[in-house]
Each structure stands twice: as C-alpha cells, then as structure tokens.
C-alpha cells in the first residue's frame, strides 16, 4: 500500500514545486514519511504521511483517500488537513493549534514530522519568515502532547538550534 500511496501522491502533486528549493513537491511528503518511519513501523501512518498534503493542496478528496487507502489513513489525512481559511495568519494558526490538540496521537506524530521537515527548509532559505514560523511551531509543539516524544525532542532541538 505504501508504494501505491507514493505513486498516487506523486501524480496528485505533479507540477507542484517546493517553495525555496524548486524541488518536486513529492520530496516533502517522502521526507515526512521517512521521519515518521524512525518512530513507527505502522503502514497506515507512513501512508498518511505521504498523503498528508494531498487533500489540502490538490483536487483529491478524503472520500477518494478512504476508497483507495482505507479508513485509518483517511482519518489521519483528515486530521492533518488544515481547515482554518478565514482571519489573519495569527487567527488561523491559533485555530489550527486548538484543532490539532484534539486529533489522534498518530496524526500529531505525523504533524511533528511535517514541522521537522518544514523547519529544515524554512530556517535555511528564509530566515526572516523563520522567525514567524518558529514561533508558530513552538505554539504547536505546546499542544501536540500526544505525539511521539522522540519527534517532539527532535523538533524542540531544532528550535533551540535556531534560538527559539
């Protein structure tokens, strides 16, 4: 199922590029998946990690995710899909913190892996935006209390390395 998810995500994200690096977008979900795999061997978590941005960034629906990859993967992707679309950035991020505090431990773990991956790129390529992003990351880490502690420690170490 993981190979199918990788192929599916690559097609769904075809033509999309990572901000700052210009890499094909699929590089990011694959990195998130490999970070998740350092703390879990659950296939549904790895699949959800690969698909975590598909519903948010492409026309793919949760219904299609569930049909192709099952209910647990669909649930995790749903939990990881940002829903706040109104208000300024601070309001949206505060709403997202409240929402993510309520999701499953598995989704929280994938979210921390996503933060780790994004921090690597943002801190390196956009130090000005990193100030905003890392402050938001700190707020998220404060509410992701069910995430795997090893990834939390890794994410917190990134913050410390960046002076946050």
Protein backbone atom coordinates (compact mmCIF):
# COMPACT_ATOMS: atom_id res chain seq x y z
CA UNK A 1 0.00 0.00 0.00
CA UNK A 2 2.88 2.40 0.70
CA UNK A 3 4.22 2.13 -2.85
CA UNK A 4 0.72 2.85 -4.17
CA UNK A 5 0.44 5.90 -1.91
CA UNK A 6 3.80 7.24 -3.09
CA UNK A 7 2.78 6.85 -6.73
CA UNK A 8 -0.64 8.39 -6.02
CA UNK A 9 0.86 11.38 -4.16
CA UNK A 10 3.45 11.93 -6.90
CA UNK A 11 0.71 12.11 -9.51
CA UNK A 12 -1.54 14.29 -7.31
CA UNK A 13 1.31 16.76 -6.67
CA UNK A 14 2.63 16.61 -10.25
CA UNK A 15 3.80 20.03 -11.39
CA UNK A 16 3.94 21.43 -7.84
CA UNK A 17 7.30 22.61 -6.56
CA UNK A 18 8.68 23.19 -3.07
CA UNK A 19 9.00 26.83 -2.19
CA UNK A 20 12.63 27.94 -1.85
CA UNK A 21 14.24 24.82 -3.37
CA UNK A 22 12.18 24.27 -6.50
CA UNK A 23 12.29 20.52 -5.83
CA UNK A 24 9.30 18.47 -6.96
CA UNK A 25 6.75 18.72 -4.14
CA UNK A 26 6.75 14.96 -3.54
CA UNK A 27 10.19 15.36 -1.90
CA UNK A 28 8.48 16.86 1.19
CA UNK A 29 5.86 14.12 1.81
CA UNK A 30 8.57 11.49 1.32
CA UNK A 31 10.74 13.23 3.90
CA UNK A 32 7.81 13.41 6.33
CA UNK A 33 7.21 9.69 5.79
CA UNK A 34 10.84 8.83 6.45
CA UNK A 35 10.80 10.87 9.66
CA UNK A 36 7.64 9.04 10.80
CA UNK A 37 9.28 5.70 9.97
CA UNK A 38 12.04 6.45 12.51
CA UNK A 39 9.48 6.12 15.32
CA UNK A 40 6.76 3.85 13.92
CA UNK A 41 6.50 0.87 11.62
CA UNK A 42 2.75 1.31 11.13
CA UNK A 43 1.98 1.29 7.45
CA UNK A 44 -1.16 3.43 7.83
CA UNK A 45 0.90 6.19 9.44
CA UNK A 46 3.55 6.04 6.71
CA UNK A 47 0.85 6.14 4.02
CA UNK A 48 -0.90 9.07 5.71
CA UNK A 49 2.44 10.89 5.98
CA UNK A 50 2.93 10.57 2.22
CA UNK A 51 -0.63 11.77 1.61
CA UNK A 52 -0.81 14.43 4.33
CA UNK A 53 -0.98 17.42 1.94
CA UNK A 54 -2.94 15.82 -0.90
CA UNK A 55 -6.42 16.91 0.18
CA UNK A 56 -5.25 20.37 1.22
CA UNK A 57 -3.21 21.10 -1.93
CA UNK A 58 -4.83 19.13 -4.76
CA UNK A 59 -8.33 18.26 -6.01
CA UNK A 60 -8.16 14.81 -4.32
CA UNK A 61 -10.95 14.22 -1.79
CA UNK A 62 -10.99 12.40 1.53
CA UNK A 63 -13.55 10.05 0.03
CA UNK A 64 -11.03 9.02 -2.63
CA UNK A 65 -8.32 8.58 0.02
CA UNK A 66 -10.62 6.33 2.03
CA UNK A 67 -11.63 4.30 -1.02
CA UNK A 68 -8.03 3.73 -2.09
CA UNK A 69 -6.21 3.52 1.25
CA UNK A 70 -8.76 2.74 3.95
CA UNK A 71 -10.48 4.40 6.87
CA UNK A 72 -7.49 4.86 9.20
CA UNK A 73 -5.39 6.56 6.52
CA UNK A 74 -8.34 8.76 5.58
CA UNK A 75 -8.88 9.69 9.23
CA UNK A 76 -5.24 10.69 9.69
CA UNK A 77 -5.23 12.73 6.46
CA UNK A 78 -8.45 14.42 7.56
CA UNK A 79 -6.93 15.24 10.94
CA UNK A 80 -3.86 16.70 9.20
CA UNK A 81 -5.77 18.81 6.68
CA UNK A 82 -5.82 22.44 7.74
CA UNK A 83 -9.36 23.77 7.87
CA UNK A 84 -8.98 27.37 9.05
CA UNK A 85 -9.33 29.59 5.99
CA UNK A 86 -10.64 32.85 7.43
CA UNK A 87 -8.99 35.52 9.52
CA UNK A 88 -5.42 36.72 9.52
CA UNK A 89 -2.48 34.34 9.81
CA UNK A 90 -2.31 34.61 13.62
CA UNK A 91 -6.03 33.79 13.94
CA UNK A 92 -5.78 30.85 11.52
CA UNK A 93 -2.73 29.42 13.29
CA UNK A 94 -4.36 29.78 16.72
CA UNK A 95 -7.44 27.93 15.44
CA UNK A 96 -5.16 25.27 13.98
CA UNK A 97 -3.42 24.81 17.35
CA UNK A 98 -6.77 24.29 19.08
CA UNK A 99 -7.87 21.80 16.41
CA UNK A 100 -4.61 19.82 16.37
CA UNK A 101 -4.69 19.49 20.15
CA UNK A 102 -7.77 17.29 19.66
CA UNK A 103 -6.52 14.93 16.94
CA UNK A 104 -5.15 11.41 17.39
CA UNK A 105 -1.65 10.67 18.67
CA UNK A 106 -0.82 9.25 15.24
CA UNK A 107 -1.85 12.44 13.43
CA UNK A 108 0.03 14.53 15.98
CA UNK A 109 3.15 12.44 15.36
CA UNK A 110 2.85 12.96 11.60
CA UNK A 111 2.33 16.68 12.18
CA UNK A 112 5.54 16.90 14.21
CA UNK A 113 7.38 15.12 11.38
CA UNK A 114 5.90 17.71 8.99
CA UNK A 115 7.16 20.52 11.25
CA UNK A 116 10.64 18.99 11.34
CA UNK A 117 10.73 18.74 7.55
CA UNK A 118 9.43 22.27 7.01
CA UNK A 119 11.84 23.73 9.56
CA UNK A 120 14.82 22.33 7.69
CA UNK A 121 13.82 24.23 4.58
CA UNK A 122 12.43 27.44 6.08
CA UNK A 123 15.29 28.02 8.53
CA UNK A 124 17.84 27.54 5.76
CA UNK A 125 16.22 29.52 2.95
CA UNK A 126 14.08 32.20 4.61
CA UNK A 127 15.48 33.43 7.94
CA UNK A 128 13.02 36.33 8.06
CA UNK A 129 9.93 34.12 7.72
CA UNK A 130 11.59 31.57 10.01
CA UNK A 131 11.07 33.99 12.90
CA UNK A 132 7.31 33.79 12.37
CA UNK A 133 7.27 30.09 11.53
CA UNK A 134 9.37 29.02 14.51
CA UNK A 135 7.18 30.98 16.90
CA UNK A 136 4.14 29.18 15.42
CA UNK A 137 5.99 25.87 15.68
CA UNK A 138 6.64 26.45 19.39
CA UNK A 139 2.90 27.06 19.93
CA UNK A 140 2.07 23.86 18.05
CA UNK A 141 4.58 21.76 19.97
CA UNK A 142 2.98 23.01 23.19
CA UNK A 143 -0.36 21.41 22.18
CA UNK A 144 0.82 18.27 20.38
CA UNK A 145 1.04 16.44 23.68
CA UNK A 146 0.15 13.02 22.28
CA UNK A 147 2.83 12.97 19.57
CA UNK A 148 5.76 10.58 19.80
CA UNK A 149 8.14 12.05 22.36
CA UNK A 150 11.23 11.28 20.26
CA UNK A 151 9.99 13.50 17.45
CA UNK A 152 8.96 16.18 19.93
CA UNK A 153 12.53 16.16 21.29
CA UNK A 154 13.92 16.41 17.76
CA UNK A 155 11.60 19.30 16.90
CA UNK A 156 12.46 21.09 20.14
CA UNK A 157 16.17 20.64 19.42
CA UNK A 158 15.61 22.35 16.05
CA UNK A 159 14.01 25.28 17.85
CA UNK A 160 16.92 25.52 20.26
CA UNK A 161 19.41 25.38 17.39
CA UNK A 162 17.61 28.29 15.78
CA UNK A 163 17.48 30.27 19.03
CA UNK A 164 13.83 29.64 19.89
